[in-house]
Amino acid sequence: MAKYLLAFHGGSMPEDPDENARAMDAWVVWYTSLGAGLLDPGNPIGQAAYVGPDGTVSAGGGANPVSGYTLIEAESLDAAVAAAQRNPLLAGGGSIEVAETFSMG
């Protein structure tokens, strides 16, 4: 099985405490649904900087900054995409980039 990085872009959490609790519960359900395929639940991303090809640095992580990540294992890219399609970030207006990783060694 291959490993996939799910890079989260954008999205938001509700400000209402009850809605926020429901959103957090949805994340727990999603993580649980991944079972043994969940390798690293990841974290939200804080401060970021973008380093351009010429070495210039700009604050904020570029045009579409990463807002968080999760690392999973799946049978195929299609299976990893299917897992991403169930992620609650999408309900908060975010998007998910799914990328297969590979070992260099």
PDB file of N, CA and C in Angstrom:
ATOM      1  N   MET A   1       0.843  -1.183   0.000  1.00  0.00           N
ATOM      2  CA  MET A   1       0.000   0.000   0.000  1.00  0.00           C
ATOM      3  C   MET A   1       0.888   1.246   0.000  1.00  0.00           C
ATOM      4  N   ALA A   2       0.409   2.249  -0.666  1.00  0.00           N
ATOM      5  CA  ALA A   2       1.159   3.497  -0.777  1.00  0.00           C
ATOM      6  C   ALA A   2       0.731   4.481   0.311  1.00  0.00           C
ATOM      7  N   LYS A   3       1.602   5.447   0.558  1.00  0.00           N
ATOM      8  CA  LYS A   3       1.311   6.515   1.514  1.00  0.00           C
ATOM      9  C   LYS A   3       0.927   7.764   0.738  1.00  0.00           C
ATOM     10  N   TYR A   4      -0.044   8.500   1.293  1.00  0.00           N
ATOM     11  CA  TYR A   4      -0.543   9.704   0.641  1.00  0.00           C
ATOM     12  C   TYR A   4      -0.583  10.861   1.630  1.00  0.00           C
ATOM     13  N   LEU A   5      -0.128  12.004   1.163  1.00  0.00           N
ATOM     14  CA  LEU A   5      -0.226  13.238   1.923  1.00  0.00           C
ATOM     15  C   LEU A   5      -1.512  13.921   1.507  1.00  0.00           C
ATOM     16  N   LEU A   6      -2.360  14.224   2.483  1.00  0.00           N
ATOM     17  CA  LEU A   6      -3.547  15.038   2.235  1.00  0.00           C
ATOM     18  C   LEU A   6      -3.211  16.430   2.738  1.00  0.00           C
ATOM     19  N   ALA A   7      -3.005  17.359   1.820  1.00  0.00           N
ATOM     20  CA  ALA A   7      -2.675  18.738   2.168  1.00  0.00           C
ATOM     21  C   ALA A   7      -3.953  19.555   2.116  1.00  0.00           C
ATOM     22  N   PHE A   8      -4.320  20.116   3.248  1.00  0.00           N
ATOM     23  CA  PHE A   8      -5.567  20.874   3.355  1.00  0.00           C
ATOM     24  C   PHE A   8      -5.306  22.332   3.019  1.00  0.00           C
ATOM     25  N   HIS A   9      -6.231  22.927   2.277  1.00  0.00           N
ATOM     26  CA  HIS A   9      -6.152  24.331   1.894  1.00  0.00           C
ATOM     27  C   HIS A   9      -7.447  25.022   2.304  1.00  0.00           C
ATOM     28  N   GLY A  10      -7.327  26.116   3.038  1.00  0.00           N
ATOM     29  CA  GLY A  10      -8.500  26.894   3.417  1.00  0.00           C
ATOM     30  C   GLY A  10      -9.379  26.166   4.413  1.00  0.00           C
ATOM     31  N   GLY A  11     -10.654  26.499   4.365  1.00  0.00           N
ATOM     32  CA  GLY A  11     -11.619  25.933   5.295  1.00  0.00           C
ATOM     33  C   GLY A  11     -11.711  26.789   6.539  1.00  0.00           C
ATOM     34  N   SER A  12     -12.760  26.570   7.287  1.00  0.00           N
ATOM     35  CA  SER A  12     -12.948  27.327   8.520  1.00  0.00           C
ATOM     36  C   SER A  12     -13.729  26.484   9.515  1.00  0.00           C
ATOM     37  N   MET A  13     -13.556  26.820  10.779  1.00  0.00           N
ATOM     38  CA  MET A  13     -14.301  26.175  11.853  1.00  0.00           C
ATOM     39  C   MET A  13     -15.392  27.136  12.294  1.00  0.00           C
ATOM     40  N   PRO A  14     -16.576  26.609  12.620  1.00  0.00           N
ATOM     41  CA  PRO A  14     -17.659  27.473  13.073  1.00  0.00           C
ATOM     42  C   PRO A  14     -17.291  28.190  14.374  1.00  0.00           C
ATOM     43  N   GLU A  15     -17.796  29.393  14.525  1.00  0.00           N
ATOM     44  CA  GLU A  15     -17.538  30.159  15.746  1.00  0.00           C
ATOM     45  C   GLU A  15     -18.475  29.764  16.872  1.00  0.00           C
ATOM     46  N   ASP A  16     -19.687  29.325  16.538  1.00  0.00           N
ATOM     47  CA  ASP A  16     -20.648  28.900  17.550  1.00  0.00           C
ATOM     48  C   ASP A  16     -20.105  27.656  18.251  1.00  0.00           C
ATOM     49  N   PRO A  17     -20.049  27.643  19.592  1.00  0.00           N
ATOM     50  CA  PRO A  17     -19.476  26.505  20.313  1.00  0.00           C
ATOM     51  C   PRO A  17     -20.146  25.164  20.001  1.00  0.00           C
ATOM     52  N   ASP A  18     -21.462  25.141  19.867  1.00  0.00           N
ATOM     53  CA  ASP A  18     -22.149  23.885  19.554  1.00  0.00           C
ATOM     54  C   ASP A  18     -21.807  23.399  18.152  1.00  0.00           C
ATOM     55  N   GLU A  19     -21.786  24.318  17.189  1.00  0.00           N
ATOM     56  CA  GLU A  19     -21.429  23.944  15.819  1.00  0.00           C
ATOM     57  C   GLU A  19     -19.970  23.525  15.737  1.00  0.00           C
ATOM     58  N   ASN A  20     -19.120  24.198  16.505  1.00  0.00           N
ATOM     59  CA  ASN A  20     -17.711  23.836  16.536  1.00  0.00           C
ATOM     60  C   ASN A  20     -17.535  22.424  17.083  1.00  0.00           C
ATOM     61  N   ALA A  21     -18.269  22.088  18.131  1.00  0.00           N
ATOM     62  CA  ALA A  21     -18.201  20.738  18.707  1.00  0.00           C
ATOM     63  C   ALA A  21     -18.652  19.696  17.692  1.00  0.00           C
ATOM     64  N   ARG A  22     -19.706  20.002  16.925  1.00  0.00           N
ATOM     65  CA  ARG A  22     -20.165  19.072  15.894  1.00  0.00           C
ATOM     66  C   ARG A  22     -19.101  18.901  14.808  1.00  0.00           C
ATOM     67  N   ALA A  23     -18.436  19.996  14.447  1.00  0.00           N
ATOM     68  CA  ALA A  23     -17.381  19.919  13.440  1.00  0.00           C
ATOM     69  C   ALA A  23     -16.222  19.062  13.945  1.00  0.00           C
ATOM     70  N   MET A  24     -15.846  19.242  15.197  1.00  0.00           N
ATOM     71  CA  MET A  24     -14.765  18.423  15.766  1.00  0.00           C
ATOM     72  C   MET A  24     -15.170  16.951  15.821  1.00  0.00           C
ATOM     73  N   ASP A  25     -16.421  16.692  16.156  1.00  0.00           N
ATOM     74  CA  ASP A  25     -16.926  15.310  16.153  1.00  0.00           C
ATOM     75  C   ASP A  25     -16.840  14.708  14.749  1.00  0.00           C
ATOM     76  N   ALA A  26     -17.128  15.519  13.728  1.00  0.00           N
ATOM     77  CA  ALA A  26     -17.049  15.036  12.345  1.00  0.00           C
ATOM     78  C   ALA A  26     -15.611  14.641  11.994  1.00  0.00           C
ATOM     79  N   TRP A  27     -14.631  15.386  12.502  1.00  0.00           N
ATOM     80  CA  TRP A  27     -13.231  15.027  12.275  1.00  0.00           C
ATOM     81  C   TRP A  27     -12.901  13.700  12.946  1.00  0.00           C
ATOM     82  N   VAL A  28     -13.395  13.504  14.170  1.00  0.00           N
ATOM     83  CA  VAL A  28     -13.147  12.242  14.879  1.00  0.00           C
ATOM     84  C   VAL A  28     -13.744  11.076  14.103  1.00  0.00           C
ATOM     85  N   VAL A  29     -14.956  11.258  13.603  1.00  0.00           N
ATOM     86  CA  VAL A  29     -15.609  10.207  12.805  1.00  0.00           C
ATOM     87  C   VAL A  29     -14.775   9.920  11.556  1.00  0.00           C
ATOM     88  N   TRP A  30     -14.279  10.967  10.901  1.00  0.00           N
ATOM     89  CA  TRP A  30     -13.483  10.774   9.687  1.00  0.00           C
ATOM     90  C   TRP A  30     -12.193  10.028  10.008  1.00  0.00           C
ATOM     91  N   TYR A  31     -11.486  10.483  11.052  1.00  0.00           N
ATOM     92  CA  TYR A  31     -10.254   9.787  11.442  1.00  0.00           C
ATOM     93  C   TYR A  31     -10.536   8.322  11.754  1.00  0.00           C
ATOM     94  N   THR A  32     -11.599   8.047  12.477  1.00  0.00           N
ATOM     95  CA  THR A  32     -11.960   6.675  12.841  1.00  0.00           C
ATOM     96  C   THR A  32     -12.253   5.846  11.596  1.00  0.00           C
ATOM     97  N   SER A  33     -12.896   6.462  10.597  1.00  0.00           N
ATOM     98  CA  SER A  33     -13.245   5.738   9.371  1.00  0.00           C
ATOM     99  C   SER A  33     -12.010   5.293   8.594  1.00  0.00           C
ATOM    100  N   LEU A  34     -10.877   5.947   8.817  1.00  0.00           N
ATOM    101  CA  LEU A  34      -9.650   5.588   8.110  1.00  0.00           C
ATOM    102  C   LEU A  34      -9.003   4.336   8.689  1.00  0.00           C
ATOM    103  N   GLY A  35      -9.349   3.992   9.921  1.00  0.00           N
ATOM    104  CA  GLY A  35      -8.819   2.782  10.552  1.00  0.00           C
ATOM    105  C   GLY A  35      -7.307   2.746  10.532  1.00  0.00           C
ATOM    106  N   ALA A  36      -6.755   1.576  10.181  1.00  0.00           N
ATOM    107  CA  ALA A  36      -5.301   1.385  10.153  1.00  0.00           C
ATOM    108  C   ALA A  36      -4.639   2.221   9.063  1.00  0.00           C
ATOM    109  N   GLY A  37      -5.421   2.759   8.132  1.00  0.00           N
ATOM    110  CA  GLY A  37      -4.867   3.596   7.074  1.00  0.00           C
ATOM    111  C   GLY A  37      -4.428   4.966   7.554  1.00  0.00           C
ATOM    112  N   LEU A  38      -4.815   5.347   8.771  1.00  0.00           N
ATOM    113  CA  LEU A  38      -4.404   6.634   9.324  1.00  0.00           C
ATOM    114  C   LEU A  38      -2.991   6.493   9.888  1.00  0.00           C
ATOM    115  N   LEU A  39      -2.019   7.088   9.211  1.00  0.00           N
ATOM    116  CA  LEU A  39      -0.627   6.997   9.644  1.00  0.00           C
ATOM    117  C   LEU A  39      -0.255   8.149  10.569  1.00  0.00           C
ATOM    118  N   ASP A  40      -0.762   9.343  10.273  1.00  0.00           N
ATOM    119  CA  ASP A  40      -0.484  10.537  11.075  1.00  0.00           C
ATOM    120  C   ASP A  40      -1.686  11.464  10.911  1.00  0.00           C
ATOM    121  N   PRO A  41      -2.426  11.725  12.003  1.00  0.00           N
ATOM    122  CA  PRO A  41      -3.599  12.587  11.863  1.00  0.00           C
ATOM    123  C   PRO A  41      -3.236  14.001  11.458  1.00  0.00           C
ATOM    124  N   GLY A  42      -1.971  14.373  11.632  1.00  0.00           N
ATOM    125  CA  GLY A  42      -1.527  15.695  11.220  1.00  0.00           C
ATOM    126  C   GLY A  42      -1.909  16.771  12.203  1.00  0.00           C
ATOM    127  N   ASN A  43      -1.869  17.997  11.716  1.00  0.00           N
ATOM    128  CA  ASN A  43      -2.145  19.173  12.520  1.00  0.00           C
ATOM    129  C   ASN A  43      -2.547  20.318  11.623  1.00  0.00           C
ATOM    130  N   PRO A  44      -3.186  21.331  12.218  1.00  0.00           N
ATOM    131  CA  PRO A  44      -3.355  22.580  11.479  1.00  0.00           C
ATOM    132  C   PRO A  44      -1.986  23.229  11.297  1.00  0.00           C
ATOM    133  N   ILE A  45      -1.888  24.129  10.351  1.00  0.00           N
ATOM    134  CA  ILE A  45      -0.646  24.844  10.076  1.00  0.00           C
ATOM    135  C   ILE A  45      -0.758  26.253  10.642  1.00  0.00           C
ATOM    136  N   GLY A  46       0.310  26.714  11.262  1.00  0.00           N
ATOM    137  CA  GLY A  46       0.364  28.072  11.814  1.00  0.00           C
ATOM    138  C   GLY A  46       1.045  29.007  10.834  1.00  0.00           C
ATOM    139  N   GLN A  47       2.042  29.717  11.326  1.00  0.00           N
ATOM    140  CA  GLN A  47       2.764  30.658  10.490  1.00  0.00           C
ATOM    141  C   GLN A  47       3.399  29.947   9.305  1.00  0.00           C
ATOM    142  N   ALA A  48       3.463  30.654   8.185  1.00  0.00           N
ATOM    143  CA  ALA A  48       4.052  30.068   6.987  1.00  0.00           C
ATOM    144  C   ALA A  48       4.806  31.142   6.209  1.00  0.00           C
ATOM    145  N   ALA A  49       5.754  30.698   5.423  1.00  0.00           N
ATOM    146  CA  ALA A  49       6.477  31.570   4.510  1.00  0.00           C
ATOM    147  C   ALA A  49       6.624  30.836   3.188  1.00  0.00           C
ATOM    148  N   TYR A  50       6.652  31.582   2.110  1.00  0.00           N
ATOM    149  CA  TYR A  50       6.839  31.026   0.777  1.00  0.00           C
ATOM    150  C   TYR A  50       8.227  31.411   0.297  1.00  0.00           C
ATOM    151  N   VAL A  51       9.006  30.431  -0.151  1.00  0.00           N
ATOM    152  CA  VAL A  51      10.330  30.682  -0.705  1.00  0.00           C
ATOM    153  C   VAL A  51      10.246  30.441  -2.201  1.00  0.00           C
ATOM    154  N   GLY A  52      10.456  31.490  -2.982  1.00  0.00           N
ATOM    155  CA  GLY A  52      10.375  31.397  -4.435  1.00  0.00           C
ATOM    156  C   GLY A  52      11.617  30.780  -5.039  1.00  0.00           C
ATOM    157  N   PRO A  53      11.562  30.460  -6.339  1.00  0.00           N
ATOM    158  CA  PRO A  53      12.689  29.816  -7.015  1.00  0.00           C
ATOM    159  C   PRO A  53      13.986  30.618  -6.929  1.00  0.00           C
ATOM    160  N   ASP A  54      13.869  31.935  -6.812  1.00  0.00           N
ATOM    161  CA  ASP A  54      15.071  32.770  -6.719  1.00  0.00           C
ATOM    162  C   ASP A  54      15.501  33.021  -5.277  1.00  0.00           C
ATOM    163  N   GLY A  55      14.827  32.355  -4.329  1.00  0.00           N
ATOM    164  CA  GLY A  55      15.181  32.490  -2.926  1.00  0.00           C
ATOM    165  C   GLY A  55      14.459  33.591  -2.188  1.00  0.00           C
ATOM    166  N   THR A  56      13.654  34.382  -2.904  1.00  0.00           N
ATOM    167  CA  THR A  56      12.903  35.441  -2.220  1.00  0.00           C
ATOM    168  C   THR A  56      11.852  34.816  -1.313  1.00  0.00           C
ATOM    169  N   VAL A  57      11.590  35.479  -0.210  1.00  0.00           N
ATOM    170  CA  VAL A  57      10.674  34.968   0.795  1.00  0.00           C
ATOM    171  C   VAL A  57       9.516  35.940   0.951  1.00  0.00           C
ATOM    172  N   SER A  58       8.304  35.384   0.995  1.00  0.00           N
ATOM    173  CA  SER A  58       7.130  36.201   1.297  1.00  0.00           C
ATOM    174  C   SER A  58       6.327  35.507   2.390  1.00  0.00           C
ATOM    175  N   ALA A  59       5.775  36.304   3.262  1.00  0.00           N
ATOM    176  CA  ALA A  59       5.011  35.770   4.387  1.00  0.00           C
ATOM    177  C   ALA A  59       3.672  35.226   3.912  1.00  0.00           C
ATOM    178  N   GLY A  60       3.163  34.244   4.631  1.00  0.00           N
ATOM    179  CA  GLY A  60       1.813  33.767   4.389  1.00  0.00           C
ATOM    180  C   GLY A  60       1.686  32.476   3.611  1.00  0.00           C
ATOM    181  N   GLY A  61       2.748  31.927   3.088  1.00  0.00           N
ATOM    182  CA  GLY A  61       2.658  30.634   2.443  1.00  0.00           C
ATOM    183  C   GLY A  61       2.220  30.629   0.996  1.00  0.00           C
ATOM    184  N   GLY A  62       2.232  31.747   0.309  1.00  0.00           N
ATOM    185  CA  GLY A  62       1.919  31.756  -1.108  1.00  0.00           C
ATOM    186  C   GLY A  62       0.451  31.972  -1.416  1.00  0.00           C
ATOM    187  N   ALA A  63       0.082  31.735  -2.674  1.00  0.00           N
ATOM    188  CA  ALA A  63      -1.258  32.035  -3.162  1.00  0.00           C
ATOM    189  C   ALA A  63      -2.339  31.130  -2.580  1.00  0.00           C
ATOM    190  N   ASN A  64      -2.018  29.888  -2.309  1.00  0.00           N
ATOM    191  CA  ASN A  64      -2.996  28.935  -1.777  1.00  0.00           C
ATOM    192  C   ASN A  64      -2.338  28.163  -0.636  1.00  0.00           C
ATOM    193  N   PRO A  65      -2.152  28.813   0.521  1.00  0.00           N
ATOM    194  CA  PRO A  65      -1.358  28.191   1.581  1.00  0.00           C
ATOM    195  C   PRO A  65      -2.009  26.941   2.164  1.00  0.00           C
ATOM    196  N   VAL A  66      -1.160  26.048   2.599  1.00  0.00           N
ATOM    197  CA  VAL A  66      -1.607  24.836   3.279  1.00  0.00           C
ATOM    198  C   VAL A  66      -2.133  25.236   4.655  1.00  0.00           C
ATOM    199  N   SER A  67      -3.286  24.691   5.034  1.00  0.00           N
ATOM    200  CA  SER A  67      -3.868  24.999   6.346  1.00  0.00           C
ATOM    201  C   SER A  67      -3.766  23.819   7.315  1.00  0.00           C
ATOM    202  N   GLY A  68      -3.339  22.661   6.811  1.00  0.00           N
ATOM    203  CA  GLY A  68      -3.164  21.479   7.653  1.00  0.00           C
ATOM    204  C   GLY A  68      -2.826  20.280   6.793  1.00  0.00           C
ATOM    205  N   TYR A  69      -2.647  19.135   7.436  1.00  0.00           N
ATOM    206  CA  TYR A  69      -2.293  17.930   6.682  1.00  0.00           C
ATOM    207  C   TYR A  69      -2.693  16.683   7.458  1.00  0.00           C
ATOM    208  N   THR A  70      -2.784  15.568   6.744  1.00  0.00           N
ATOM    209  CA  THR A  70      -2.933  14.227   7.300  1.00  0.00           C
ATOM    210  C   THR A  70      -2.160  13.286   6.387  1.00  0.00           C
ATOM    211  N   LEU A  71      -1.570  12.248   6.962  1.00  0.00           N
ATOM    212  CA  LEU A  71      -0.857  11.245   6.185  1.00  0.00           C
ATOM    213  C   LEU A  71      -1.600   9.922   6.323  1.00  0.00           C
ATOM    214  N   ILE A  72      -1.975   9.342   5.167  1.00  0.00           N
ATOM    215  CA  ILE A  72      -2.720   8.080   5.177  1.00  0.00           C
ATOM    216  C   ILE A  72      -2.026   7.039   4.310  1.00  0.00           C
ATOM    217  N   GLU A  73      -2.479   5.807   4.459  1.00  0.00           N
ATOM    218  CA  GLU A  73      -2.054   4.708   3.597  1.00  0.00           C
ATOM    219  C   GLU A  73      -3.305   4.221   2.883  1.00  0.00           C
ATOM    220  N   ALA A  74      -3.196   3.966   1.579  1.00  0.00           N
ATOM    221  CA  ALA A  74      -4.345   3.513   0.803  1.00  0.00           C
ATOM    222  C   ALA A  74      -3.885   2.617  -0.334  1.00  0.00           C
ATOM    223  N   GLU A  75      -4.807   1.831  -0.862  1.00  0.00           N
ATOM    224  CA  GLU A  75      -4.519   0.895  -1.954  1.00  0.00           C
ATOM    225  C   GLU A  75      -4.139   1.597  -3.254  1.00  0.00           C
ATOM    226  N   SER A  76      -4.666   2.819  -3.465  1.00  0.00           N
ATOM    227  CA  SER A  76      -4.444   3.515  -4.729  1.00  0.00           C
ATOM    228  C   SER A  76      -4.738   5.001  -4.547  1.00  0.00           C
ATOM    229  N   LEU A  77      -4.364   5.776  -5.549  1.00  0.00           N
ATOM    230  CA  LEU A  77      -4.698   7.197  -5.533  1.00  0.00           C
ATOM    231  C   LEU A  77      -6.214   7.382  -5.476  1.00  0.00           C
ATOM    232  N   ASP A  78      -6.949   6.568  -6.229  1.00  0.00           N
ATOM    233  CA  ASP A  78      -8.413   6.664  -6.202  1.00  0.00           C
ATOM    234  C   ASP A  78      -8.971   6.423  -4.808  1.00  0.00           C
ATOM    235  N   ALA A  79      -8.405   5.450  -4.086  1.00  0.00           N
ATOM    236  CA  ALA A  79      -8.863   5.172  -2.724  1.00  0.00           C
ATOM    237  C   ALA A  79      -8.522   6.326  -1.792  1.00  0.00           C
ATOM    238  N   ALA A  80      -7.346   6.928  -1.967  1.00  0.00           N
ATOM    239  CA  ALA A  80      -6.966   8.076  -1.146  1.00  0.00           C
ATOM    240  C   ALA A  80      -7.868   9.273  -1.435  1.00  0.00           C
ATOM    241  N   VAL A  81      -8.203   9.479  -2.702  1.00  0.00           N
ATOM    242  CA  VAL A  81      -9.120  10.564  -3.078  1.00  0.00           C
ATOM    243  C   VAL A  81     -10.496  10.318  -2.465  1.00  0.00           C
ATOM    244  N   ALA A  82     -10.971   9.076  -2.497  1.00  0.00           N
ATOM    245  CA  ALA A  82     -12.275   8.748  -1.893  1.00  0.00           C
ATOM    246  C   ALA A  82     -12.266   9.071  -0.400  1.00  0.00           C
ATOM    247  N   ALA A  83     -11.156   8.784   0.280  1.00  0.00           N
ATOM    248  CA  ALA A  83     -11.049   9.125   1.705  1.00  0.00           C
ATOM    249  C   ALA A  83     -11.087  10.640   1.888  1.00  0.00           C
ATOM    250  N   ALA A  84     -10.394  11.363   1.029  1.00  0.00           N
ATOM    251  CA  ALA A  84     -10.375  12.825   1.118  1.00  0.00           C
ATOM    252  C   ALA A  84     -11.763  13.415   0.874  1.00  0.00           C
ATOM    253  N   GLN A  85     -12.526  12.797  -0.004  1.00  0.00           N
ATOM    254  CA  GLN A  85     -13.871  13.304  -0.310  1.00  0.00           C
ATOM    255  C   GLN A  85     -14.813  13.221   0.878  1.00  0.00           C
ATOM    256  N   ARG A  86     -14.484  12.416   1.880  1.00  0.00           N
ATOM    257  CA  ARG A  86     -15.315  12.299   3.088  1.00  0.00           C
ATOM    258  C   ARG A  86     -14.847  13.234   4.206  1.00  0.00           C
ATOM    259  N   ASN A  87     -13.776  13.983   3.959  1.00  0.00           N
ATOM    260  CA  ASN A  87     -13.189  14.832   4.997  1.00  0.00           C
ATOM    261  C   ASN A  87     -14.086  16.040   5.289  1.00  0.00           C
ATOM    262  N   PRO A  88     -14.295  16.356   6.577  1.00  0.00           N
ATOM    263  CA  PRO A  88     -15.166  17.469   6.952  1.00  0.00           C
ATOM    264  C   PRO A  88     -14.641  18.854   6.562  1.00  0.00           C
ATOM    265  N   LEU A  89     -13.379  18.977   6.198  1.00  0.00           N
ATOM    266  CA  LEU A  89     -12.852  20.271   5.754  1.00  0.00           C
ATOM    267  C   LEU A  89     -13.646  20.795   4.560  1.00  0.00           C
ATOM    268  N   LEU A  90     -14.092  19.892   3.713  1.00  0.00           N
ATOM    269  CA  LEU A  90     -14.822  20.294   2.513  1.00  0.00           C
ATOM    270  C   LEU A  90     -16.104  21.037   2.859  1.00  0.00           C
ATOM    271  N   ALA A  91     -16.770  20.626   3.956  1.00  0.00           N
ATOM    272  CA  ALA A  91     -17.996  21.294   4.386  1.00  0.00           C
ATOM    273  C   ALA A  91     -17.711  22.709   4.880  1.00  0.00           C
ATOM    274  N   GLY A  92     -16.472  22.976   5.291  1.00  0.00           N
ATOM    275  CA  GLY A  92     -16.078  24.300   5.753  1.00  0.00           C
ATOM    276  C   GLY A  92     -15.497  25.167   4.647  1.00  0.00           C
ATOM    277  N   GLY A  93     -15.663  24.740   3.390  1.00  0.00           N
ATOM    278  CA  GLY A  93     -15.214  25.545   2.262  1.00  0.00           C
ATOM    279  C   GLY A  93     -13.776  25.314   1.837  1.00  0.00           C
ATOM    280  N   GLY A  94     -13.105  24.332   2.432  1.00  0.00           N
ATOM    281  CA  GLY A  94     -11.719  24.060   2.080  1.00  0.00           C
ATOM    282  C   GLY A  94     -11.592  23.095   0.922  1.00  0.00           C
ATOM    283  N   SER A  95     -10.359  22.858   0.528  1.00  0.00           N
ATOM    284  CA  SER A  95     -10.057  21.883  -0.520  1.00  0.00           C
ATOM    285  C   SER A  95      -8.900  21.016  -0.038  1.00  0.00           C
ATOM    286  N   ILE A  96      -8.714  19.881  -0.710  1.00  0.00           N
ATOM    287  CA  ILE A  96      -7.687  18.930  -0.301  1.00  0.00           C
ATOM    288  C   ILE A  96      -6.883  18.497  -1.522  1.00  0.00           C
ATOM    289  N   GLU A  97      -5.580  18.617  -1.390  1.00  0.00           N
ATOM    290  CA  GLU A  97      -4.667  18.116  -2.404  1.00  0.00           C
ATOM    291  C   GLU A  97      -4.190  16.745  -1.946  1.00  0.00           C
ATOM    292  N   VAL A  98      -4.325  15.736  -2.802  1.00  0.00           N
ATOM    293  CA  VAL A  98      -3.934  14.361  -2.463  1.00  0.00           C
ATOM    294  C   VAL A  98      -2.701  14.032  -3.303  1.00  0.00           C
ATOM    295  N   ALA A  99      -1.607  13.662  -2.597  1.00  0.00           N
ATOM    296  CA  ALA A  99      -0.352  13.388  -3.297  1.00  0.00           C
ATOM    297  C   ALA A  99       0.284  12.117  -2.766  1.00  0.00           C
ATOM    298  N   GLU A 100       0.643  11.210  -3.672  1.00  0.00           N
ATOM    299  CA  GLU A 100       1.343   9.981  -3.256  1.00  0.00           C
ATOM    300  C   GLU A 100       2.782  10.329  -2.892  1.00  0.00           C
ATOM    301  N   THR A 101       3.242   9.737  -1.808  1.00  0.00           N
ATOM    302  CA  THR A 101       4.633   9.901  -1.402  1.00  0.00           C
ATOM    303  C   THR A 101       5.398   8.642  -1.778  1.00  0.00           C
ATOM    304  N   PHE A 102       6.706   8.730  -1.857  1.00  0.00           N
ATOM    305  CA  PHE A 102       7.500   7.540  -2.127  1.00  0.00           C
ATOM    306  C   PHE A 102       8.835   7.670  -1.431  1.00  0.00           C
ATOM    307  N   SER A 103       9.447   6.531  -1.174  1.00  0.00           N
ATOM    308  CA  SER A 103      10.717   6.474  -0.459  1.00  0.00           C
ATOM    309  C   SER A 103      11.847   6.720  -1.430  1.00  0.00           C
ATOM    310  N   MET A 104      12.793   7.503  -0.995  1.00  0.00           N
ATOM    311  CA  MET A 104      13.970   7.792  -1.823  1.00  0.00           C
ATOM    312  C   MET A 104      15.072   6.752  -1.596  1.00  0.00           C
ATOM    313  N   GLY A 105      14.870   5.906  -0.592  1.00  0.00           N
ATOM    314  CA  GLY A 105      15.933   4.962  -0.258  1.00  0.00           C
ATOM    315  C   GLY A 105      15.693   3.573  -0.714  1.00  0.00           C
TER     316      GLY A 105
END
